[in-house]
Amino acid sequence: MKNVLIASVIAMSTATAAMAEQPIYQLEISEQPVCTNTDVAIGVGVGVVGGAILGVSSIIGASVVGAAAGTTMTWGMAFSSPFLTNTTAGLAMAGVAVGGPYVGILSYYGSCVTRNIF
């Protein structure tokens, strides 16, 4: 048992000495990221448009009731005048309110990171 203890102490001291000799690398950021007002405008624009598309796309494929009963909603129908005033406008506004901020934040950071990398 004494030999096992001595061997484990030697192994630990050797491993500790080997780790102490390795250089420690530390990440240092030399410049601050440069995000401009253009990135904010891109984020807002893409957020509004993307949110509206998400809202409208939530009804695509749904069954239509009323005069066009028996069909399913398509993109063309969603942007035709009767459907636009009844359902699509509300869904587009709900999409902008619910999904727009997430899409906008992602596009803002995507634009800012892309600008800093390239």
Protein backbone atom coordinates (compact mmCIF):
# COMPACT_ATOMS: atom_id res chain seq x y z
CA MET A 1 0.00 0.00 0.00
CA LYS A 2 2.88 2.31 0.76
CA ASN A 3 4.26 1.79 -2.76
CA VAL A 4 0.89 2.63 -4.34
CA LEU A 5 0.71 5.84 -2.32
CA ILE A 6 4.26 6.86 -3.29
CA ALA A 7 3.57 6.09 -6.95
CA SER A 8 0.38 8.19 -6.95
CA VAL A 9 2.18 11.13 -5.27
CA ILE A 10 4.95 10.95 -7.90
CA ALA A 11 2.39 10.80 -10.71
CA MET A 12 0.49 13.79 -9.34
CA SER A 13 3.60 15.88 -8.86
CA THR A 14 4.81 15.07 -12.38
CA ALA A 15 1.44 15.99 -13.88
CA THR A 16 1.31 19.22 -11.88
CA ALA A 17 4.80 20.20 -12.96
CA ALA A 18 3.95 19.46 -16.60
CA MET A 19 0.83 21.62 -16.41
CA ALA A 20 2.67 24.47 -14.75
CA GLU A 21 5.16 24.66 -17.61
CA GLN A 22 2.51 25.06 -20.31
CA PRO A 23 1.79 28.64 -21.32
CA ILE A 24 -1.62 30.02 -20.46
CA TYR A 25 -3.38 31.68 -23.37
CA GLN A 26 -5.80 34.49 -22.76
CA LEU A 27 -8.11 36.07 -25.29
CA GLU A 28 -7.75 39.83 -25.49
CA ILE A 29 -10.03 41.94 -27.61
CA SER A 30 -8.07 44.75 -29.15
CA GLU A 31 -10.96 46.65 -30.75
CA GLN A 32 -14.53 47.29 -29.78
CA PRO A 33 -17.13 45.98 -32.25
CA VAL A 34 -18.32 48.64 -34.64
CA CYS A 35 -22.10 48.53 -34.97
CA THR A 36 -23.55 51.48 -36.81
CA ASN A 37 -26.98 52.99 -37.25
CA THR A 38 -27.15 51.13 -40.56
CA ASP A 39 -27.19 47.87 -38.60
CA VAL A 40 -30.07 49.21 -36.51
CA ALA A 41 -31.99 50.19 -39.66
CA ILE A 42 -31.37 46.76 -41.16
CA GLY A 43 -32.59 45.11 -37.95
CA VAL A 44 -35.77 47.21 -37.82
CA GLY A 45 -36.57 46.78 -41.51
CA VAL A 46 -35.98 43.05 -41.59
CA GLY A 47 -37.86 42.68 -38.30
CA VAL A 48 -40.98 44.39 -39.63
CA VAL A 49 -40.97 42.62 -42.99
CA GLY A 50 -39.98 39.24 -41.51
CA GLY A 51 -42.61 39.51 -38.78
CA ALA A 52 -45.30 40.33 -41.33
CA ILE A 53 -44.27 37.36 -43.47
CA LEU A 54 -44.34 35.09 -40.42
CA GLY A 55 -47.81 36.33 -39.51
CA VAL A 56 -49.24 35.90 -43.00
CA SER A 57 -47.59 32.51 -43.49
CA SER A 58 -49.42 31.23 -40.41
CA ILE A 59 -52.68 31.19 -42.38
CA ILE A 60 -51.34 29.73 -45.64
CA GLY A 61 -52.81 26.26 -46.15
CA ALA A 62 -55.78 26.84 -43.85
CA SER A 63 -59.29 26.00 -45.02
CA VAL A 64 -61.25 28.95 -46.33
CA VAL A 65 -64.79 29.59 -45.12
CA GLY A 66 -67.41 31.76 -46.77
CA ALA A 67 -67.63 32.50 -50.48
CA ALA A 68 -64.52 30.47 -51.35
CA ALA A 69 -65.32 27.54 -49.06
CA GLY A 70 -63.73 24.25 -49.96
CA THR A 71 -60.35 25.69 -50.94
CA THR A 72 -57.22 26.32 -48.96
CA MET A 73 -55.56 29.69 -48.45
CA THR A 74 -52.71 30.49 -50.83
CA TRP A 75 -50.29 33.42 -50.97
CA GLY A 76 -52.25 34.97 -53.83
CA MET A 77 -55.49 34.73 -51.88
CA ALA A 78 -53.84 36.15 -48.77
CA PHE A 79 -52.89 39.30 -50.64
CA SER A 80 -56.11 39.75 -52.59
CA SER A 81 -58.34 42.57 -51.41
CA PRO A 82 -61.17 40.75 -49.55
CA PHE A 83 -58.83 38.46 -47.65
CA LEU A 84 -56.37 41.25 -46.95
CA THR A 85 -58.99 43.34 -45.20
CA ASN A 86 -60.48 40.44 -43.25
CA THR A 87 -57.67 38.26 -42.01
CA THR A 88 -54.28 38.93 -43.50
CA ALA A 89 -53.82 42.45 -42.18
CA GLY A 90 -54.50 41.35 -38.61
CA LEU A 91 -52.14 38.41 -38.93
CA ALA A 92 -49.42 40.59 -40.42
CA MET A 93 -49.73 43.03 -37.53
CA ALA A 94 -49.69 40.21 -34.99
CA GLY A 95 -46.62 38.73 -36.68
CA VAL A 96 -44.83 42.07 -36.50
CA ALA A 97 -45.70 42.42 -32.82
CA VAL A 98 -44.83 38.85 -31.81
CA GLY A 99 -42.12 37.63 -34.21
CA GLY A 100 -40.75 40.92 -35.49
CA PRO A 101 -38.53 41.74 -32.49
CA TYR A 102 -36.82 38.35 -32.62
CA VAL A 103 -36.21 38.56 -36.36
CA GLY A 104 -35.00 42.16 -35.98
CA ILE A 105 -32.55 41.37 -33.18
CA LEU A 106 -31.13 38.41 -35.07
CA SER A 107 -30.70 40.43 -38.26
CA TYR A 108 -29.13 43.34 -36.32
CA TYR A 109 -26.53 41.09 -34.72
CA GLY A 110 -26.02 39.23 -37.99
CA SER A 111 -25.35 42.49 -39.79
CA CYS A 112 -23.05 43.78 -37.06
CA VAL A 113 -21.04 40.54 -36.83
CA THR A 114 -20.77 40.30 -40.61
CA ARG A 115 -19.49 43.86 -40.77
CA ASN A 116 -16.86 43.14 -38.08
CA ILE A 117 -15.66 39.88 -39.62
CA PHE A 118 -15.45 41.04 -43.22
